[in-house]
Protein backbone atom coordinates (compact mmCIF):
# COMPACT_ATOMS: atom_id res chain seq x y z
CA MET A 1 0.01 0.04 -0.06
CA ASN A 2 1.40 3.31 -1.02
CA ASN A 3 2.07 5.99 1.65
CA LEU A 4 -0.51 8.82 1.67
CA SER A 5 2.53 11.22 1.37
CA ASP A 6 3.01 9.68 -2.21
CA VAL A 7 -0.59 10.99 -3.11
CA LEU A 8 -0.89 13.97 -0.79
CA ASP A 9 1.68 16.64 -0.32
CA PHE A 10 2.88 17.66 3.19
CA ALA A 11 3.10 21.19 1.82
CA ASP A 12 -0.67 21.24 1.41
CA VAL A 13 -1.25 21.13 5.26
CA PRO A 14 -0.10 24.51 6.70
CA TYR A 15 3.02 24.23 8.89
CA LEU A 16 3.18 20.39 8.77
CA ASP A 17 6.50 20.31 6.82
CA GLU A 18 8.11 22.63 9.42
CA ILE A 19 6.59 20.81 12.38
CA ARG A 20 8.00 17.43 11.01
CA SER A 21 11.45 19.00 10.71
CA TYR A 22 11.66 19.31 14.51
CA LEU A 23 10.87 15.57 14.94
CA PRO A 24 13.48 12.60 14.90
CA ILE A 25 14.67 11.87 11.35
CA ASP A 26 15.03 8.13 12.05
CA ALA A 27 14.35 7.40 15.61
CA THR A 28 15.76 4.59 17.60
CA ASP A 29 13.57 3.65 20.62
CA LYS A 30 11.83 0.59 22.17
CA GLU A 31 8.67 1.78 20.31
CA ASP A 32 8.49 1.85 16.59
CA VAL A 33 8.57 5.78 16.42
CA ASN A 34 9.06 5.98 12.69
CA THR A 35 5.98 4.05 11.94
CA TYR A 36 4.11 5.85 14.65
CA LEU A 37 4.97 9.27 13.11
CA LYS A 38 4.14 8.09 9.66
CA ASN A 39 0.69 6.84 10.89
CA VAL A 40 -0.02 10.15 12.66
CA THR A 41 1.12 12.21 9.67
CA ASP A 42 -1.07 10.03 7.30
CA SER A 43 -4.03 10.74 9.52
CA ILE A 44 -3.27 14.55 9.46
CA LEU A 45 -3.08 14.39 5.71
CA ILE A 46 -6.30 12.62 5.01
CA ASN A 47 -8.31 14.43 7.69
CA TYR A 48 -7.07 17.79 6.34
CA SER A 49 -7.78 16.82 2.77
CA ASN A 50 -11.44 15.83 3.89
CA GLU A 51 -11.82 19.22 5.64
CA GLN A 52 -12.08 17.49 9.00
CA TYR A 53 -9.84 20.13 10.59
CA GLN A 54 -10.34 19.28 14.33
CA PHE A 55 -9.14 15.72 13.74
CA ALA A 56 -6.14 16.89 11.66
CA TYR A 57 -5.37 19.22 14.58
CA PHE A 58 -5.36 16.37 16.99
CA GLY A 59 -2.75 14.57 14.78
CA LEU A 60 -0.62 17.77 15.07
CA HIS A 61 -0.87 17.77 18.73
CA LEU A 62 0.24 14.15 18.93
CA LEU A 63 3.46 15.27 16.81
CA TYR A 64 3.80 18.26 19.30
CA MET A 65 3.85 16.03 22.36
CA THR A 66 6.13 13.54 20.66
CA TYR A 67 8.54 16.48 20.18
CA ILE A 68 8.13 17.52 23.89
CA TYR A 69 9.03 13.86 25.05
CA PHE A 70 12.12 13.65 22.79
CA SER A 71 13.30 17.10 23.82
CA VAL A 72 13.07 16.24 27.62
CA ARG A 73 14.97 12.90 26.89
CA LYS A 74 17.79 14.84 25.19
CA ILE A 75 17.88 17.25 28.27
CA SER A 76 18.17 14.11 30.54
CA LEU A 77 21.17 13.08 28.52
CA ILE A 78 23.00 16.44 27.99
CA LEU A 79 22.28 17.69 31.45
CA PRO A 80 21.89 14.54 33.64
CA ASP A 81 22.53 16.16 37.06
CA ARG A 82 20.03 19.05 36.56
CA TYR A 83 17.58 16.66 35.07
CA LYS A 84 17.76 14.34 38.22
CA ASP A 85 17.19 17.32 40.36
CA ALA A 86 14.16 18.54 38.30
CA VAL A 87 12.35 15.19 38.37
CA VAL A 88 12.91 14.57 42.22
CA PHE A 89 9.26 15.67 42.83
CA ALA A 90 7.81 14.68 39.48
CA ARG A 91 5.08 11.91 39.75
CA PRO A 92 3.36 9.73 37.16
CA TYR A 93 -0.34 9.35 36.92
CA HIS A 94 -2.07 7.54 39.91
CA GLY A 95 -1.53 3.81 39.59
CA GLN A 96 1.44 4.20 37.17
CA SER A 97 5.13 3.67 38.00
CA LEU A 98 8.08 5.23 36.28
CA ASP A 99 11.77 5.45 36.78
CA PHE A 100 12.54 8.96 35.31
CA ASN A 101 16.32 8.03 35.29
CA ASN A 102 15.83 4.67 33.48
CA LEU A 103 13.28 4.90 30.76
CA GLU A 104 12.66 1.96 28.63
CA SER A 105 11.07 4.22 25.91
CA THR A 106 10.84 8.00 25.36
CA PHE A 107 7.14 7.52 25.20
CA ASP A 108 7.29 6.60 28.94
CA TYR A 109 6.94 10.26 29.48
CA SER A 110 3.28 9.80 28.47
CA LEU A 111 2.75 8.41 31.98
CA VAL A 112 3.33 11.85 33.37
CA ALA A 113 0.67 14.54 33.54
CA GLU A 114 1.15 16.72 30.47
CA SER A 115 0.93 19.76 32.64
CA GLU A 116 3.81 18.63 34.79
CA LEU A 117 6.39 17.50 32.23
CA PRO A 118 6.96 20.90 30.64
CA LYS A 119 8.34 22.20 33.94
CA ILE A 120 11.50 20.40 33.10
CA PHE A 121 12.19 22.97 30.40
CA LYS A 122 13.15 25.36 33.16
CA ILE A 123 16.53 23.68 33.06
CA ILE A 124 17.16 25.25 29.57
CA ASP A 125 15.75 28.67 30.69
CA LEU A 126 12.40 28.38 28.80
CA ASP A 127 10.41 31.25 30.56
CA SER A 128 7.44 30.68 32.42
CA GLY A 129 5.32 32.25 29.67
CA GLN A 130 6.35 29.67 27.20
CA ILE A 131 5.95 26.87 29.64
CA GLY A 132 2.34 28.26 30.36
CA LYS A 133 1.74 28.10 26.65
CA ILE A 134 2.36 24.36 26.42
CA ASP A 135 -0.04 23.86 29.38
CA GLY A 136 -2.49 26.03 27.36
CA LEU A 137 -2.09 23.87 24.32
CA VAL A 138 -2.71 20.64 26.30
CA ASP A 139 -5.75 22.28 28.01
CA ASN A 140 -7.29 23.23 24.67
CA ARG A 141 -6.65 19.86 23.26
CA ASN A 142 -8.20 18.15 26.20
CA GLU A 143 -11.33 20.36 26.05
CA MET A 144 -11.80 19.60 22.40
CA ALA A 145 -11.33 15.87 22.89
CA HIS A 146 -14.30 15.69 25.21
CA ALA A 147 -17.57 14.64 23.77
CA ASN A 148 -19.31 17.98 24.19
CA GLY A 149 -21.50 17.87 20.96
CA ARG A 150 -19.61 20.66 19.28
CA PHE A 151 -16.24 21.34 17.27
CA ALA A 152 -13.94 24.17 17.98
CA ILE A 153 -11.87 23.90 14.72
CA LEU A 154 -14.54 24.14 11.97
CA ASN A 155 -12.70 25.72 9.06
CA GLU A 156 -9.19 26.15 7.42
CA TYR A 157 -8.65 29.45 9.19
CA ALA A 158 -9.16 28.07 12.57
CA PHE A 159 -6.91 25.16 11.78
CA ILE A 160 -4.13 27.52 10.60
CA THR A 161 -4.38 29.54 13.79
CA ALA A 162 -4.25 26.53 16.00
CA ALA A 163 -1.49 24.87 13.96
CA ASN A 164 0.56 28.09 14.20
CA GLY A 165 0.30 28.00 17.97
CA ILE A 166 1.77 24.54 18.02
CA LEU A 167 4.54 25.56 15.64
CA ASP A 168 5.36 28.77 17.49
CA SER A 169 5.84 26.79 20.74
CA MET A 170 8.09 24.29 18.96
CA ARG A 171 10.26 27.05 17.60
CA ASN A 172 10.52 28.57 21.16
CA ILE A 173 11.66 25.24 22.57
CA HIS A 174 14.15 24.63 19.81
CA ASN A 175 15.65 28.14 20.36
CA ARG A 176 16.38 27.08 23.89
CA MET A 177 17.66 23.66 22.94
CA ASP A 178 20.06 25.16 20.33
CA SER A 179 22.74 25.73 22.93
CA GLN A 180 22.26 22.28 24.46
CA ILE A 181 22.62 20.54 21.07
CA ARG A 182 25.87 22.58 20.58
CA ILE A 183 27.14 21.30 23.97
CA TRP A 184 26.34 17.76 23.01
CA PHE A 185 27.89 18.07 19.47
CA LYS A 186 31.17 19.62 20.80
CA ASP A 187 31.54 16.48 23.15
CA PHE A 188 30.55 14.17 20.27
CA LEU A 189 33.21 15.75 17.94
CA LEU A 190 35.91 15.35 20.62
CA ARG A 191 34.98 11.77 21.06
CA PHE A 192 35.27 11.27 17.31
CA CYS A 193 38.74 12.89 17.15
CA LYS A 194 39.92 10.77 20.20
CA ASN A 195 38.71 7.52 18.34
CA GLU A 196 36.12 6.94 21.06
CA ILE A 197 33.42 6.10 18.70
CA GLU A 198 34.27 2.45 17.97
CA GLY A 199 33.55 0.24 14.98
CA TYR A 200 34.07 2.80 12.15
CA GLY A 201 36.86 3.45 9.68
CA ASP A 202 38.33 6.74 8.70
CA ASN A 203 35.95 7.06 5.75
CA ASP A 204 32.75 6.10 7.59
CA ILE A 205 31.73 9.58 8.65
CA ASP A 206 28.46 9.29 6.86
CA ASP A 207 27.72 6.17 8.73
CA ILE A 208 28.59 7.83 12.03
CA ILE A 209 26.28 10.74 11.15
CA LYS A 210 23.30 8.36 10.39
CA GLU A 211 23.87 5.79 13.11
CA GLN A 212 25.31 7.85 15.96
CA MET A 213 23.82 11.18 15.55
CA ILE A 214 20.51 10.69 13.76
CA GLN A 215 19.60 7.35 15.18
CA GLY A 216 21.67 7.25 18.33
CA PHE A 217 20.72 10.66 19.61
CA ASN A 218 17.41 10.98 17.79
CA LEU A 219 18.32 14.11 16.07
CA SER A 220 15.74 16.09 13.97
CA VAL A 221 16.50 18.04 10.82
CA GLN A 222 16.54 21.24 12.72
CA GLU A 223 18.99 19.85 15.21
CA LEU A 224 21.26 18.40 12.71
CA LEU A 225 21.24 21.75 10.98
CA VAL A 226 22.45 23.23 14.41
CA CYS A 227 25.32 20.89 14.27
CA ASN A 228 26.00 21.70 10.63
CA GLU A 229 25.98 25.49 11.29
CA MET A 230 28.19 25.29 14.35
CA SER A 231 31.75 26.59 13.94
CA VAL A 232 34.66 24.45 15.13
CA LYS A 233 37.13 27.28 15.41
CA SER A 234 36.90 27.22 19.26
CA LEU A 235 37.42 23.46 19.49
CA ILE A 236 40.42 23.81 17.08
CA SER A 237 41.92 26.68 19.06
CA LYS A 238 41.70 24.50 22.34
CA ASN A 239 42.69 21.32 20.47
CA PRO A 240 44.92 22.14 17.58
CA GLU A 241 46.10 18.51 17.25
CA PHE A 242 42.47 17.64 16.13
CA LYS A 243 42.28 20.38 13.41
CA ASP A 244 42.33 18.03 10.44
CA ASP A 245 39.76 15.57 11.96
CA LEU A 246 37.35 18.35 12.96
CA ASN A 247 37.43 19.97 9.54
CA LYS A 248 37.01 16.64 7.89
CA PHE A 249 33.84 15.68 9.94
CA LYS A 250 32.26 19.24 9.50
CA LYS A 251 32.90 18.95 5.77
CA ALA A 252 31.20 15.46 5.67
CA LEU A 253 28.42 16.72 7.71
CA ARG A 254 27.81 19.78 5.31
CA GLU A 255 27.81 17.44 2.35
CA TYR A 256 25.41 15.08 4.09
CA CYS A 257 23.00 17.79 4.70
CA GLU A 258 23.27 18.98 1.19
CA GLY A 259 22.80 15.53 -0.13
CA GLN A 260 19.60 15.21 1.97
CA ALA A 261 18.35 18.63 0.77
CA TYR A 262 18.37 19.96 4.31
CA VAL A 263 20.36 22.87 2.92
CA ASP A 264 20.71 24.53 -0.36
């Protein structure tokens, strides 16, 4: 069976293409994230094409919460000590159990109240207004999901307005995640230069990008572009012996992004 994306264009749905660019490119997780994202995206495409705008919006909100979960998971890996402090008082839903420091799947965060999880973004200095916006988007979705006999998103204009709210929140979170991704990537580059990423030859940088960055750290297109845009001058200044390897990796990353049409 053909993908709906072969028949319907992502660009036909306002903001969908950009929203997808914040989600993992090729996720590795206990759950089949790639199939999940494909099925959710297909539901958005078919509902939007049939003018079922509220149901299309529900799909966008699923993508949004998936982004929230994967962002929090990355924070836990980049800033583990601050993350551990932040989740000391976090609790899953009644009757559920969750070890925040030993997740089996990124989707385990769905066991936590959606109004509680965004508080972790304080670690990356997301302001209270933006955290409140996440809560507001969750509350609005919950209200629409109740069987109350009416629809809140009845036309394309209402859909565009609601979808823009989701995208604006994702952009703001990403702006705060930018510096964290750079911290992670600097450490990753030094590990590469020190031959600490085992199992690869000198000419296997494309495989390292795909397997260790995109799959291993579940990077999105937007996050990969942060890595691509980051200068290595400061790293070279502090580690001149790694100059050739750093430039080699950055050149390969730029060519990879160009090959995938992530950059012009």
